Protein backbone atom coordinates (compact mmCIF):
# COMPACT_ATOMS: atom_id res chain seq x y z
CA UNK A 1 152.19 105.08 21.45
CA UNK A 2 154.14 107.29 23.86
CA UNK A 3 153.55 110.96 24.61
CA UNK A 4 156.30 112.28 22.31
CA UNK A 5 155.13 110.10 19.40
CA UNK A 6 151.61 111.45 19.95
CA UNK A 7 152.97 115.00 19.97
CA UNK A 8 154.87 114.41 16.71
CA UNK A 9 151.74 112.87 15.15
CA UNK A 10 149.66 115.90 16.14
CA UNK A 11 147.47 113.88 18.53
CA UNK A 12 148.63 116.02 21.47
CA UNK A 13 149.01 119.78 20.96
CA UNK A 14 152.49 121.28 21.01
CA UNK A 15 154.30 124.46 20.11
CA UNK A 16 156.02 123.37 16.89
CA UNK A 17 159.40 124.94 16.15
CA UNK A 18 160.52 122.75 13.22
CA UNK A 19 159.63 119.52 11.47
CA UNK A 20 160.45 117.23 8.60
CA UNK A 21 159.46 113.66 7.71
CA UNK A 22 161.83 112.13 10.28
CA UNK A 23 162.12 114.61 13.13
CA UNK A 24 160.06 117.10 15.10
CA UNK A 25 161.03 120.03 17.34
CA UNK A 26 158.73 121.68 19.86
CA UNK A 27 158.95 123.91 22.92
CA UNK A 28 159.56 122.30 26.29
CA UNK A 29 156.46 123.08 28.38
CA UNK A 30 158.68 123.47 31.46
CA UNK A 31 161.40 125.67 29.98
CA UNK A 32 164.55 126.73 31.74
CA UNK A 33 164.72 129.83 29.49
CA UNK A 34 162.68 131.20 26.61
CA UNK A 35 163.40 129.15 23.51
CA UNK A 36 164.10 125.83 25.34
CA UNK A 37 163.22 123.31 22.64
CA UNK A 38 162.98 119.52 22.45
CA UNK A 39 164.02 117.67 19.29
CA UNK A 40 162.74 114.14 18.75
CA UNK A 41 162.76 111.46 16.08
CA UNK A 42 159.24 110.68 14.85
CA UNK A 43 160.15 107.01 15.10
CA UNK A 44 159.72 105.75 18.64
CA UNK A 45 163.11 104.85 20.04
CA UNK A 46 163.80 105.02 23.78
CA UNK A 47 167.55 105.61 23.81
CA UNK A 48 169.36 107.97 21.47
CA UNK A 49 172.28 105.55 21.11
CA UNK A 50 169.92 102.83 19.89
CA UNK A 51 169.43 104.87 16.73
CA UNK A 52 171.19 103.67 13.58
CA UNK A 53 174.36 105.61 12.71
CA UNK A 54 172.88 107.29 9.64
CA UNK A 55 169.68 108.19 11.53
CA UNK A 56 171.52 109.74 14.47
CA UNK A 57 173.65 111.72 12.01
CA UNK A 58 170.51 113.13 10.34
CA UNK A 59 169.03 113.76 13.80
CA UNK A 60 172.04 115.87 14.80
CA UNK A 61 171.98 117.80 11.51
CA UNK A 62 168.29 118.55 12.05
CA UNK A 63 169.03 119.62 15.65
CA UNK A 64 171.85 121.86 14.36
CA UNK A 65 169.41 123.69 12.06
CA UNK A 66 166.94 124.08 14.93
CA UNK A 67 169.75 125.40 17.16
CA UNK A 68 170.69 127.93 14.47
CA UNK A 69 167.04 129.03 14.31
CA UNK A 70 166.87 129.36 18.10
CA UNK A 71 170.05 131.48 18.12
CA UNK A 72 168.61 133.73 15.39
CA UNK A 73 165.29 134.09 17.22
CA UNK A 74 166.82 134.50 20.69
CA UNK A 75 170.30 136.00 20.43
CA UNK A 76 172.53 134.20 22.90
CA UNK A 77 176.16 133.24 23.40
CA UNK A 78 175.50 129.62 22.39
CA UNK A 79 172.69 127.09 22.19
CA UNK A 80 173.43 124.28 24.61
CA UNK A 81 172.58 120.68 23.85
CA UNK A 82 171.73 118.05 26.45
CA UNK A 83 170.63 114.44 26.13
CA UNK A 84 169.21 113.12 29.36
CA UNK A 85 166.39 110.84 28.36
CA UNK A 86 165.23 109.46 31.69
CA UNK A 87 161.99 111.40 32.11
CA UNK A 88 160.32 110.29 28.85
CA UNK A 89 161.12 106.96 27.16
CA UNK A 90 161.67 108.54 23.72
CA UNK A 91 165.02 109.79 22.45
CA UNK A 92 165.21 113.57 22.64
CA UNK A 93 167.65 116.45 22.63
CA UNK A 94 167.20 119.58 24.74
CA UNK A 95 168.32 122.76 22.94
CA UNK A 96 168.67 125.71 25.31
CA UNK A 97 169.71 129.27 24.42
CA UNK A 98 172.47 130.17 26.86
CA UNK A 99 173.92 133.42 28.08
CA UNK A 100 175.91 131.41 30.64
CA UNK A 101 176.18 127.80 31.79
CA UNK A 102 173.64 128.43 34.57
CA UNK A 103 170.97 128.52 31.85
CA UNK A 104 171.43 124.72 31.52
CA UNK A 105 170.62 123.99 35.17
CA UNK A 106 167.88 121.36 34.97
CA UNK A 107 167.28 121.62 38.73
CA UNK A 108 166.53 125.36 38.64
CA UNK A 109 162.95 126.64 38.84
CA UNK A 110 161.25 126.58 35.44
CA UNK A 111 159.69 129.56 33.69
CA UNK A 112 155.93 130.02 33.78
CA UNK A 113 154.74 131.24 30.37
CA UNK A 114 151.28 131.90 28.97
CA UNK A 115 149.92 130.12 25.90
CA UNK A 116 150.40 133.38 23.99
CA UNK A 117 154.07 133.58 25.03
CA UNK A 118 154.68 129.94 24.03
CA UNK A 119 152.96 130.50 20.67
CA UNK A 120 155.00 133.64 19.96
CA UNK A 121 158.29 131.92 20.87
CA UNK A 122 157.51 128.89 18.69
CA UNK A 123 156.48 131.13 15.78
CA UNK A 124 159.78 133.04 15.97
CA UNK A 125 161.84 129.84 15.97
CA UNK A 126 159.76 128.25 13.18
CA UNK A 127 160.14 131.36 10.98
CA UNK A 128 163.93 131.27 11.43
CA UNK A 129 164.04 127.49 10.85
CA UNK A 130 162.15 127.86 7.58
CA UNK A 131 164.73 130.41 6.39
CA UNK A 132 167.58 128.01 7.27
CA UNK A 133 165.99 124.79 6.03
CA UNK A 134 164.80 126.39 2.81
């Protein structure tokens, strides 16, 4: 079982932002900006485009709700979405609150946040997600 599957199963701690039976969202531990969130399928699949059509559609709808929660928790111009997928062999979407395109620079230095800051950020996003998801 890979690291993201272990995170989704609760075997490795994470800062949960949203979850349902199929998908899980948690804070990136090396964020570019506050609110940088990863969205993953619970099912282990390496490449996002290996997902079945109906599954990838549900994945994007889940990610949309998480993005709406991020935008509510961290007012921004837009929430950017990126699918890179080379660093961890598990399909995932990066959701990043953006004030400008420079906020999506994956080569830029990452933020250093305390456990308390991560927990507070995740709690804000989760509270907004629960309002949206019902």
